[in-house]
Amino acid sequence: MLSTPVITNYPERPYVAIEKSVKQPDIGNELPPLHGKLYQWLAAKGLSSTEPPFFRYLAYNNGELLVRVGLSTTEKLESDGEVIADAFPAGNYAELIHAGNYNGLMHAHMALESWVKDNGYREQLSPSTNGCTWGGRTEFYLNDCTELPNPADWQTKVSFLLAEH
């Protein structure tokens, strides 16, 4: 089930992440364990994240997705080894909530793409011959699927940075 899309304006929002290239069918096995590594990294520094964990999709090229698996932070930190410190750009984001199993997220992305186009907005992206680079395409995992055994209870916010008019 999908919520009605909304436009939300955000300031720059800092985060830490681990970047990985992955094929779409492998996302569920390869990416979620990286959140655990980030929680440990923050804890070792005496820090925590109070925001939902996320996957920020940077690019798609020849069947491979370049993804940042991340956690929001209250302040900008320094990169350290495989941990990248960065920030979501300030701006307007088109967003919707997907309720249900993660295998429905592709449909949520397609629905938000259509809504953006149908309402006269443009997602910030750069197309290429074999794919594209996104300015801010992200999935925020609003609850912990390990604590909710019924996939119908899972909620994911899908968020696209919009291009300026």
N, C-alpha and C. Protein backbone atom coordinates (compact mmCIF):
# COMPACT_ATOMS: atom_id res chain seq x y z
N MET A 1 0.84 -1.17 0.00
CA MET A 1 0.00 0.00 0.00
C MET A 1 0.89 1.24 0.00
N LEU A 2 0.48 2.25 -0.75
CA LEU A 2 1.26 3.48 -0.87
C LEU A 2 0.47 4.66 -0.34
N SER A 3 1.17 5.56 0.36
CA SER A 3 0.54 6.80 0.80
C SER A 3 0.47 7.78 -0.37
N THR A 4 -0.26 8.85 -0.19
CA THR A 4 -0.28 9.93 -1.17
C THR A 4 1.06 10.65 -1.10
N PRO A 5 1.71 10.87 -2.23
CA PRO A 5 3.01 11.57 -2.20
C PRO A 5 2.87 13.01 -1.70
N VAL A 6 3.94 13.48 -1.08
CA VAL A 6 4.02 14.86 -0.60
C VAL A 6 5.37 15.43 -0.98
N ILE A 7 5.47 16.75 -0.95
CA ILE A 7 6.74 17.45 -1.15
C ILE A 7 7.17 17.97 0.22
N THR A 8 8.40 17.65 0.62
CA THR A 8 8.94 18.10 1.90
C THR A 8 10.26 18.82 1.64
N ASN A 9 10.43 19.98 2.28
CA ASN A 9 11.68 20.72 2.16
C ASN A 9 12.55 20.40 3.37
N TYR A 10 13.79 20.02 3.10
CA TYR A 10 14.74 19.68 4.17
C TYR A 10 15.98 20.55 4.07
N PRO A 11 16.59 20.85 5.22
CA PRO A 11 17.93 21.42 5.20
C PRO A 11 18.92 20.30 4.88
N GLU A 12 20.18 20.65 4.72
CA GLU A 12 21.21 19.61 4.55
C GLU A 12 21.16 18.70 5.78
N ARG A 13 21.26 17.38 5.55
CA ARG A 13 21.18 16.41 6.65
C ARG A 13 22.39 15.49 6.61
N PRO A 14 23.25 15.55 7.63
CA PRO A 14 24.47 14.73 7.63
C PRO A 14 24.19 13.25 7.88
N TYR A 15 25.10 12.43 7.39
CA TYR A 15 25.00 10.99 7.60
C TYR A 15 26.37 10.34 7.47
N VAL A 16 26.45 9.08 7.89
CA VAL A 16 27.61 8.23 7.61
C VAL A 16 27.09 7.02 6.84
N ALA A 17 27.96 6.48 5.98
CA ALA A 17 27.51 5.37 5.13
C ALA A 17 28.69 4.52 4.69
N ILE A 18 28.35 3.33 4.23
CA ILE A 18 29.29 2.45 3.55
C ILE A 18 28.75 2.28 2.13
N GLU A 19 29.61 2.50 1.15
CA GLU A 19 29.21 2.45 -0.25
C GLU A 19 29.50 1.07 -0.83
N LYS A 20 28.53 0.56 -1.60
CA LYS A 20 28.70 -0.77 -2.19
C LYS A 20 27.99 -0.83 -3.53
N SER A 21 28.60 -1.52 -4.47
CA SER A 21 27.99 -1.79 -5.77
C SER A 21 27.35 -3.17 -5.70
N VAL A 22 26.10 -3.27 -6.16
CA VAL A 22 25.35 -4.52 -6.00
C VAL A 22 24.32 -4.65 -7.13
N LYS A 23 24.04 -5.88 -7.50
CA LYS A 23 22.94 -6.14 -8.45
C LYS A 23 21.63 -6.16 -7.65
N GLN A 24 20.55 -5.71 -8.27
CA GLN A 24 19.28 -5.58 -7.56
C GLN A 24 18.86 -6.84 -6.82
N PRO A 25 18.95 -8.06 -7.39
CA PRO A 25 18.51 -9.25 -6.65
C PRO A 25 19.33 -9.52 -5.38
N ASP A 26 20.52 -8.93 -5.27
CA ASP A 26 21.39 -9.18 -4.13
C ASP A 26 21.26 -8.14 -3.01
N ILE A 27 20.43 -7.13 -3.21
CA ILE A 27 20.30 -6.06 -2.22
C ILE A 27 19.97 -6.61 -0.84
N GLY A 28 18.95 -7.46 -0.75
CA GLY A 28 18.48 -7.96 0.54
C GLY A 28 19.50 -8.76 1.32
N ASN A 29 20.43 -9.42 0.64
CA ASN A 29 21.45 -10.21 1.33
C ASN A 29 22.71 -9.40 1.64
N GLU A 30 23.10 -8.53 0.73
CA GLU A 30 24.40 -7.86 0.86
C GLU A 30 24.37 -6.54 1.62
N LEU A 31 23.28 -5.80 1.54
CA LEU A 31 23.30 -4.45 2.11
C LEU A 31 22.88 -4.35 3.58
N PRO A 32 21.81 -5.00 4.05
CA PRO A 32 21.39 -4.81 5.44
C PRO A 32 22.48 -5.06 6.49
N PRO A 33 23.37 -6.04 6.34
CA PRO A 33 24.40 -6.22 7.37
C PRO A 33 25.31 -5.00 7.55
N LEU A 34 25.39 -4.15 6.54
CA LEU A 34 26.25 -2.96 6.66
C LEU A 34 25.70 -1.96 7.66
N HIS A 35 24.39 -1.97 7.90
CA HIS A 35 23.84 -1.10 8.95
C HIS A 35 24.44 -1.46 10.30
N GLY A 36 24.57 -2.76 10.58
CA GLY A 36 25.17 -3.20 11.84
C GLY A 36 26.58 -2.69 12.01
N LYS A 37 27.36 -2.72 10.94
CA LYS A 37 28.74 -2.20 11.01
C LYS A 37 28.73 -0.71 11.33
N LEU A 38 27.78 0.03 10.77
CA LEU A 38 27.70 1.47 11.04
C LEU A 38 27.27 1.76 12.47
N TYR A 39 26.30 0.99 12.99
CA TYR A 39 25.90 1.17 14.39
C TYR A 39 27.10 0.93 15.30
N GLN A 40 27.89 -0.09 15.01
CA GLN A 40 29.09 -0.37 15.82
C GLN A 40 30.11 0.76 15.70
N TRP A 41 30.30 1.28 14.50
CA TRP A 41 31.24 2.38 14.26
C TRP A 41 30.83 3.60 15.07
N LEU A 42 29.53 3.95 15.02
CA LEU A 42 29.05 5.10 15.80
C LEU A 42 29.22 4.86 17.29
N ALA A 43 28.85 3.66 17.76
CA ALA A 43 28.96 3.35 19.19
C ALA A 43 30.40 3.45 19.68
N ALA A 44 31.35 3.03 18.86
CA ALA A 44 32.77 3.12 19.24
C ALA A 44 33.21 4.57 19.41
N LYS A 45 32.50 5.49 18.79
CA LYS A 45 32.81 6.92 18.91
C LYS A 45 31.92 7.60 19.94
N GLY A 46 31.10 6.81 20.64
CA GLY A 46 30.20 7.37 21.64
C GLY A 46 29.01 8.10 21.03
N LEU A 47 28.67 7.74 19.79
CA LEU A 47 27.57 8.40 19.08
C LEU A 47 26.46 7.41 18.78
N SER A 48 25.31 7.93 18.39
CA SER A 48 24.20 7.08 17.98
C SER A 48 23.42 7.79 16.88
N SER A 49 22.50 7.06 16.27
CA SER A 49 21.62 7.63 15.26
C SER A 49 20.19 7.47 15.74
N THR A 50 19.44 8.56 15.73
CA THR A 50 18.05 8.50 16.18
C THR A 50 17.09 8.46 15.00
N GLU A 51 17.61 8.57 13.80
CA GLU A 51 16.79 8.54 12.58
C GLU A 51 16.79 7.12 12.00
N PRO A 52 15.84 6.82 11.13
CA PRO A 52 15.78 5.48 10.52
C PRO A 52 16.99 5.21 9.62
N PRO A 53 17.43 3.97 9.56
CA PRO A 53 18.50 3.60 8.62
C PRO A 53 17.99 3.75 7.19
N PHE A 54 18.92 3.85 6.25
CA PHE A 54 18.51 4.08 4.86
C PHE A 54 19.46 3.44 3.87
N PHE A 55 18.96 3.33 2.64
CA PHE A 55 19.77 3.03 1.45
C PHE A 55 19.64 4.24 0.54
N ARG A 56 20.75 4.88 0.21
CA ARG A 56 20.74 5.99 -0.74
C ARG A 56 21.30 5.46 -2.06
N TYR A 57 20.46 5.47 -3.08
CA TYR A 57 20.85 4.97 -4.40
C TYR A 57 21.54 6.10 -5.16
N LEU A 58 22.82 5.89 -5.49
CA LEU A 58 23.60 6.92 -6.17
C LEU A 58 23.54 6.79 -7.68
N ALA A 59 23.63 5.56 -8.19
CA ALA A 59 23.71 5.38 -9.64
C ALA A 59 23.28 3.98 -10.03
N TYR A 60 22.83 3.88 -11.28
CA TYR A 60 22.53 2.60 -11.91
C TYR A 60 23.31 2.57 -13.21
N ASN A 61 24.08 1.49 -13.41
CA ASN A 61 24.90 1.39 -14.62
C ASN A 61 25.07 -0.08 -14.98
N ASN A 62 24.60 -0.46 -16.16
CA ASN A 62 24.77 -1.82 -16.67
C ASN A 62 24.35 -2.90 -15.67
N GLY A 63 23.20 -2.71 -15.02
CA GLY A 63 22.69 -3.73 -14.11
C GLY A 63 23.22 -3.66 -12.70
N GLU A 64 24.14 -2.74 -12.42
CA GLU A 64 24.70 -2.58 -11.07
C GLU A 64 24.18 -1.30 -10.45
N LEU A 65 23.81 -1.37 -9.18
CA LEU A 65 23.41 -0.20 -8.41
C LEU A 65 24.56 0.19 -7.50
N LEU A 66 24.87 1.47 -7.44
CA LEU A 66 25.83 1.98 -6.47
C LEU A 66 25.01 2.57 -5.34
N VAL A 67 25.17 2.01 -4.13
CA VAL A 67 24.30 2.33 -3.01
C VAL A 67 25.13 2.74 -1.80
N ARG A 68 24.64 3.73 -1.07
CA ARG A 68 25.20 4.04 0.24
C ARG A 68 24.22 3.54 1.29
N VAL A 69 24.70 2.64 2.12
CA VAL A 69 23.94 2.10 3.24
C VAL A 69 24.28 3.00 4.42
N GLY A 70 23.29 3.70 4.98
CA GLY A 70 23.65 4.75 5.91
C GLY A 70 22.78 4.92 7.12
N LEU A 71 23.31 5.80 8.00
CA LEU A 71 22.64 6.24 9.21
C LEU A 71 22.81 7.74 9.33
N SER A 72 21.73 8.42 9.68
CA SER A 72 21.80 9.87 9.87
C SER A 72 22.56 10.19 11.15
N THR A 73 23.21 11.35 11.15
CA THR A 73 23.93 11.82 12.33
C THR A 73 23.46 13.25 12.63
N THR A 74 23.71 13.70 13.85
CA THR A 74 23.28 15.04 14.23
C THR A 74 24.24 16.11 13.74
N GLU A 75 25.47 15.71 13.43
CA GLU A 75 26.46 16.66 12.93
C GLU A 75 27.31 15.98 11.87
N LYS A 76 27.97 16.79 11.08
CA LYS A 76 28.84 16.25 10.03
C LYS A 76 30.10 15.67 10.70
N LEU A 77 30.43 14.44 10.36
CA LEU A 77 31.58 13.75 10.93
C LEU A 77 32.67 13.63 9.87
N GLU A 78 33.80 13.06 10.24
CA GLU A 78 34.90 12.82 9.31
C GLU A 78 34.81 11.40 8.77
N SER A 79 35.09 11.24 7.48
CA SER A 79 35.17 9.90 6.90
C SER A 79 36.29 9.14 7.58
N ASP A 80 36.14 7.80 7.65
CA ASP A 80 37.10 6.98 8.37
C ASP A 80 37.12 5.58 7.74
N GLY A 81 38.16 5.29 6.96
CA GLY A 81 38.24 3.99 6.30
C GLY A 81 37.10 3.82 5.33
N GLU A 82 36.35 2.72 5.49
CA GLU A 82 35.23 2.47 4.57
C GLU A 82 33.99 3.30 4.91
N VAL A 83 34.00 3.98 6.04
CA VAL A 83 32.85 4.80 6.44
C VAL A 83 32.99 6.20 5.83
N ILE A 84 32.00 6.56 5.04
CA ILE A 84 31.96 7.85 4.35
C ILE A 84 31.06 8.80 5.14
N ALA A 85 31.55 9.99 5.42
CA ALA A 85 30.73 11.03 6.03
C ALA A 85 30.28 11.98 4.92
N ASP A 86 28.99 12.21 4.83
CA ASP A 86 28.44 13.06 3.77
C ASP A 86 27.15 13.68 4.29
N ALA A 87 26.37 14.26 3.39
CA ALA A 87 25.08 14.85 3.78
C ALA A 87 24.12 14.78 2.60
N PHE A 88 22.84 14.63 2.93
CA PHE A 88 21.81 14.78 1.92
C PHE A 88 21.73 16.26 1.57
N PRO A 89 21.63 16.59 0.30
CA PRO A 89 21.53 18.00 -0.07
C PRO A 89 20.24 18.64 0.45
N ALA A 90 20.32 19.92 0.79
CA ALA A 90 19.11 20.66 1.13
C ALA A 90 18.24 20.76 -0.12
N GLY A 91 16.94 20.80 0.07
CA GLY A 91 16.05 20.96 -1.07
C GLY A 91 14.70 20.33 -0.86
N ASN A 92 13.93 20.33 -1.92
CA ASN A 92 12.60 19.73 -1.92
C ASN A 92 12.69 18.27 -2.34
N TYR A 93 12.01 17.43 -1.59
CA TYR A 93 11.99 15.99 -1.85
C TYR A 93 10.54 15.54 -2.03
N ALA A 94 10.30 14.75 -3.07
CA ALA A 94 9.01 14.07 -3.23
C ALA A 94 9.10 12.78 -2.43
N GLU A 95 8.06 12.51 -1.62
CA GLU A 95 8.12 11.35 -0.73
C GLU A 95 6.78 10.64 -0.65
N LEU A 96 6.87 9.35 -0.44
CA LEU A 96 5.69 8.56 -0.12
C LEU A 96 6.10 7.45 0.83
N ILE A 97 5.11 6.87 1.49
CA ILE A 97 5.35 5.74 2.40
C ILE A 97 4.81 4.48 1.74
N HIS A 98 5.67 3.47 1.67
CA HIS A 98 5.28 2.14 1.20
C HIS A 98 5.07 1.28 2.43
N ALA A 99 3.89 0.67 2.55
CA ALA A 99 3.61 -0.26 3.64
C ALA A 99 3.56 -1.66 3.04
N GLY A 100 4.41 -2.55 3.57
CA GLY A 100 4.40 -3.92 3.09
C GLY A 100 5.79 -4.45 2.83
N ASN A 101 5.82 -5.64 2.27
CA ASN A 101 7.07 -6.34 2.00
C ASN A 101 7.99 -5.50 1.10
N TYR A 102 9.28 -5.62 1.34
CA TYR A 102 10.25 -4.86 0.56
C TYR A 102 10.22 -5.21 -0.93
N ASN A 103 9.68 -6.38 -1.28
CA ASN A 103 9.62 -6.72 -2.70
C ASN A 103 8.65 -5.82 -3.47
N GLY A 104 7.90 -4.98 -2.77
CA GLY A 104 7.02 -4.01 -3.42
C GLY A 104 7.65 -2.64 -3.60
N LEU A 105 8.91 -2.49 -3.21
CA LEU A 105 9.54 -1.17 -3.28
C LEU A 105 9.77 -0.69 -4.71
N MET A 106 10.03 -1.61 -5.63
CA MET A 106 10.21 -1.19 -7.02
C MET A 106 8.94 -0.50 -7.52
N HIS A 107 7.79 -1.07 -7.17
CA HIS A 107 6.51 -0.46 -7.55
C HIS A 107 6.38 0.93 -6.90
N ALA A 108 6.82 1.07 -5.66
CA ALA A 108 6.76 2.37 -4.98
C ALA A 108 7.62 3.40 -5.70
N HIS A 109 8.81 3.00 -6.12
CA HIS A 109 9.68 3.92 -6.88
C HIS A 109 9.01 4.33 -8.19
N MET A 110 8.44 3.37 -8.89
CA MET A 110 7.79 3.67 -10.17
C MET A 110 6.58 4.59 -9.97
N ALA A 111 5.82 4.36 -8.90
CA ALA A 111 4.66 5.21 -8.61
C ALA A 111 5.10 6.64 -8.30
N LEU A 112 6.18 6.79 -7.52
CA LEU A 112 6.67 8.13 -7.20
C LEU A 112 7.24 8.81 -8.44
N GLU A 113 7.94 8.06 -9.28
CA GLU A 113 8.43 8.63 -10.55
C GLU A 113 7.27 9.18 -11.37
N SER A 114 6.19 8.42 -11.49
CA SER A 114 5.02 8.86 -12.25
C SER A 114 4.39 10.10 -11.62
N TRP A 115 4.25 10.09 -10.31
CA TRP A 115 3.64 11.23 -9.61
C TRP A 115 4.47 12.48 -9.83
N VAL A 116 5.78 12.37 -9.71
CA VAL A 116 6.67 13.51 -9.92
C VAL A 116 6.44 14.09 -11.31
N LYS A 117 6.48 13.24 -12.31
CA LYS A 117 6.30 13.68 -13.70
C LYS A 117 4.91 14.27 -13.93
N ASP A 118 3.88 13.57 -13.46
CA ASP A 118 2.49 14.00 -13.68
C ASP A 118 2.17 15.32 -12.99
N ASN A 119 2.94 15.68 -11.96
CA ASN A 119 2.68 16.91 -11.22
C ASN A 119 3.65 18.04 -11.57
N GLY A 120 4.37 17.87 -12.68
CA GLY A 120 5.21 18.95 -13.19
C GLY A 120 6.54 19.13 -12.51
N TYR A 121 6.98 18.13 -11.75
CA TYR A 121 8.29 18.19 -11.11
C TYR A 121 9.28 17.35 -11.90
N ARG A 122 10.55 17.50 -11.57
CA ARG A 122 11.59 16.65 -12.16
C ARG A 122 12.50 16.17 -11.04
N GLU A 123 12.80 14.89 -11.07
CA GLU A 123 13.77 14.34 -10.12
C GLU A 123 15.16 14.83 -10.51
N GLN A 124 15.99 15.11 -9.51
CA GLN A 124 17.38 15.49 -9.81
C GLN A 124 18.14 14.22 -10.19
N LEU A 125 18.48 14.11 -11.48
CA LEU A 125 19.23 12.95 -11.96
C LEU A 125 19.95 13.32 -13.25
N SER A 126 20.95 12.52 -13.56
CA SER A 126 21.72 12.69 -14.80
C SER A 126 21.69 11.37 -15.55
N PRO A 127 20.96 11.31 -16.68
CA PRO A 127 20.94 10.07 -17.45
C PRO A 127 22.27 9.84 -18.17
N SER A 128 22.57 8.57 -18.40
CA SER A 128 23.76 8.20 -19.18
C SER A 128 23.35 7.11 -20.16
N THR A 129 24.27 6.70 -20.99
CA THR A 129 23.98 5.67 -22.00
C THR A 129 23.51 4.37 -21.35
N ASN A 130 24.13 3.98 -20.25
CA ASN A 130 23.84 2.69 -19.63
C ASN A 130 23.10 2.79 -18.30
N GLY A 131 22.58 3.96 -17.97
CA GLY A 131 21.89 4.10 -16.70
C GLY A 131 21.69 5.54 -16.32
N CYS A 132 21.88 5.84 -15.01
CA CYS A 132 21.73 7.21 -14.55
C CYS A 132 22.39 7.38 -13.19
N THR A 133 22.57 8.66 -12.82
CA THR A 133 23.07 9.03 -11.50
C THR A 133 21.98 9.86 -10.84
N TRP A 134 21.61 9.50 -9.61
CA TRP A 134 20.55 10.20 -8.89
C TRP A 134 21.14 11.21 -7.92
N GLY A 135 20.44 12.33 -7.75
CA GLY A 135 20.87 13.35 -6.80
C GLY A 135 20.48 13.03 -5.38
N GLY A 136 19.45 12.26 -5.19
CA GLY A 136 19.00 11.95 -3.83
C GLY A 136 17.83 11.00 -3.83
N ARG A 137 18.03 9.78 -4.26
CA ARG A 137 16.98 8.75 -4.28
C ARG A 137 17.26 7.81 -3.11
N THR A 138 16.34 7.78 -2.14
CA THR A 138 16.63 7.10 -0.88
C THR A 138 15.41 6.34 -0.37
N GLU A 139 15.68 5.22 0.30
CA GLU A 139 14.67 4.47 1.04
C GLU A 139 15.04 4.55 2.52
N PHE A 140 14.12 5.08 3.34
CA PHE A 140 14.30 5.12 4.79
C PHE A 140 13.43 4.03 5.40
N TYR A 141 14.04 3.16 6.19
CA TYR A 141 13.34 2.01 6.77
C TYR A 141 12.79 2.43 8.13
N LEU A 142 11.49 2.74 8.18
CA LEU A 142 10.87 3.40 9.32
C LEU A 142 10.67 2.49 10.52
N ASN A 143 10.68 1.18 10.32
CA ASN A 143 10.62 0.27 11.45
C ASN A 143 11.54 -0.92 11.18
N ASP A 144 11.80 -1.66 12.23
CA ASP A 144 12.78 -2.76 12.17
C ASP A 144 12.07 -4.05 11.81
N CYS A 145 12.34 -4.56 10.61
CA CYS A 145 11.65 -5.77 10.15
C CYS A 145 12.00 -6.99 11.01
N THR A 146 13.11 -6.95 11.74
CA THR A 146 13.45 -8.09 12.61
C THR A 146 12.55 -8.11 13.85
N GLU A 147 11.93 -6.97 14.17
CA GLU A 147 11.03 -6.90 15.32
C GLU A 147 9.56 -7.05 14.92
N LEU A 148 9.30 -6.97 13.62
CA LEU A 148 7.93 -7.10 13.11
C LEU A 148 7.88 -8.26 12.12
N PRO A 149 7.45 -9.43 12.56
CA PRO A 149 7.49 -10.60 11.69
C PRO A 149 6.53 -10.53 10.50
N ASN A 150 5.49 -9.71 10.59
CA ASN A 150 4.52 -9.62 9.51
C ASN A 150 4.94 -8.52 8.53
N PRO A 151 5.32 -8.88 7.30
CA PRO A 151 5.75 -7.88 6.32
C PRO A 151 4.71 -6.79 6.06
N ALA A 152 3.44 -7.07 6.30
CA ALA A 152 2.41 -6.05 6.10
C ALA A 152 2.62 -4.85 7.03
N ASP A 153 3.37 -5.05 8.12
CA ASP A 153 3.63 -3.98 9.09
C ASP A 153 4.86 -3.14 8.75
N TRP A 154 5.64 -3.55 7.77
CA TRP A 154 6.87 -2.83 7.43
C TRP A 154 6.54 -1.53 6.71
N GLN A 155 7.23 -0.45 7.07
CA GLN A 155 7.02 0.84 6.43
C GLN A 155 8.35 1.40 5.94
N THR A 156 8.35 1.87 4.70
CA THR A 156 9.54 2.43 4.08
C THR A 156 9.17 3.76 3.43
N LYS A 157 9.92 4.81 3.77
CA LYS A 157 9.72 6.10 3.09
C LYS A 157 10.62 6.15 1.88
N VAL A 158 10.04 6.34 0.70
CA VAL A 158 10.78 6.50 -0.55
C VAL A 158 10.86 7.99 -0.82
N SER A 159 12.07 8.49 -1.06
CA SER A 159 12.30 9.93 -1.14
C SER A 159 13.19 10.26 -2.34
N PHE A 160 12.76 11.21 -3.17
CA PHE A 160 13.54 11.66 -4.34
C PHE A 160 13.83 13.15 -4.21
N LEU A 161 15.08 13.54 -4.34
CA LEU A 161 15.43 14.96 -4.42
C LEU A 161 14.93 15.50 -5.75
N LEU A 162 14.24 16.64 -5.69
CA LEU A 162 13.70 17.24 -6.90
C LEU A 162 14.66 18.27 -7.47
N ALA A 163 14.68 18.37 -8.79
CA ALA A 163 15.48 19.40 -9.46
C ALA A 163 14.82 20.75 -9.22
N GLU A 164 15.64 21.78 -9.17
CA GLU A 164 15.09 23.13 -9.01
C GLU A 164 14.42 23.55 -10.30
N HIS A 165 13.34 24.30 -10.18
CA HIS A 165 12.62 24.77 -11.38
C HIS A 165 13.39 25.86 -12.05
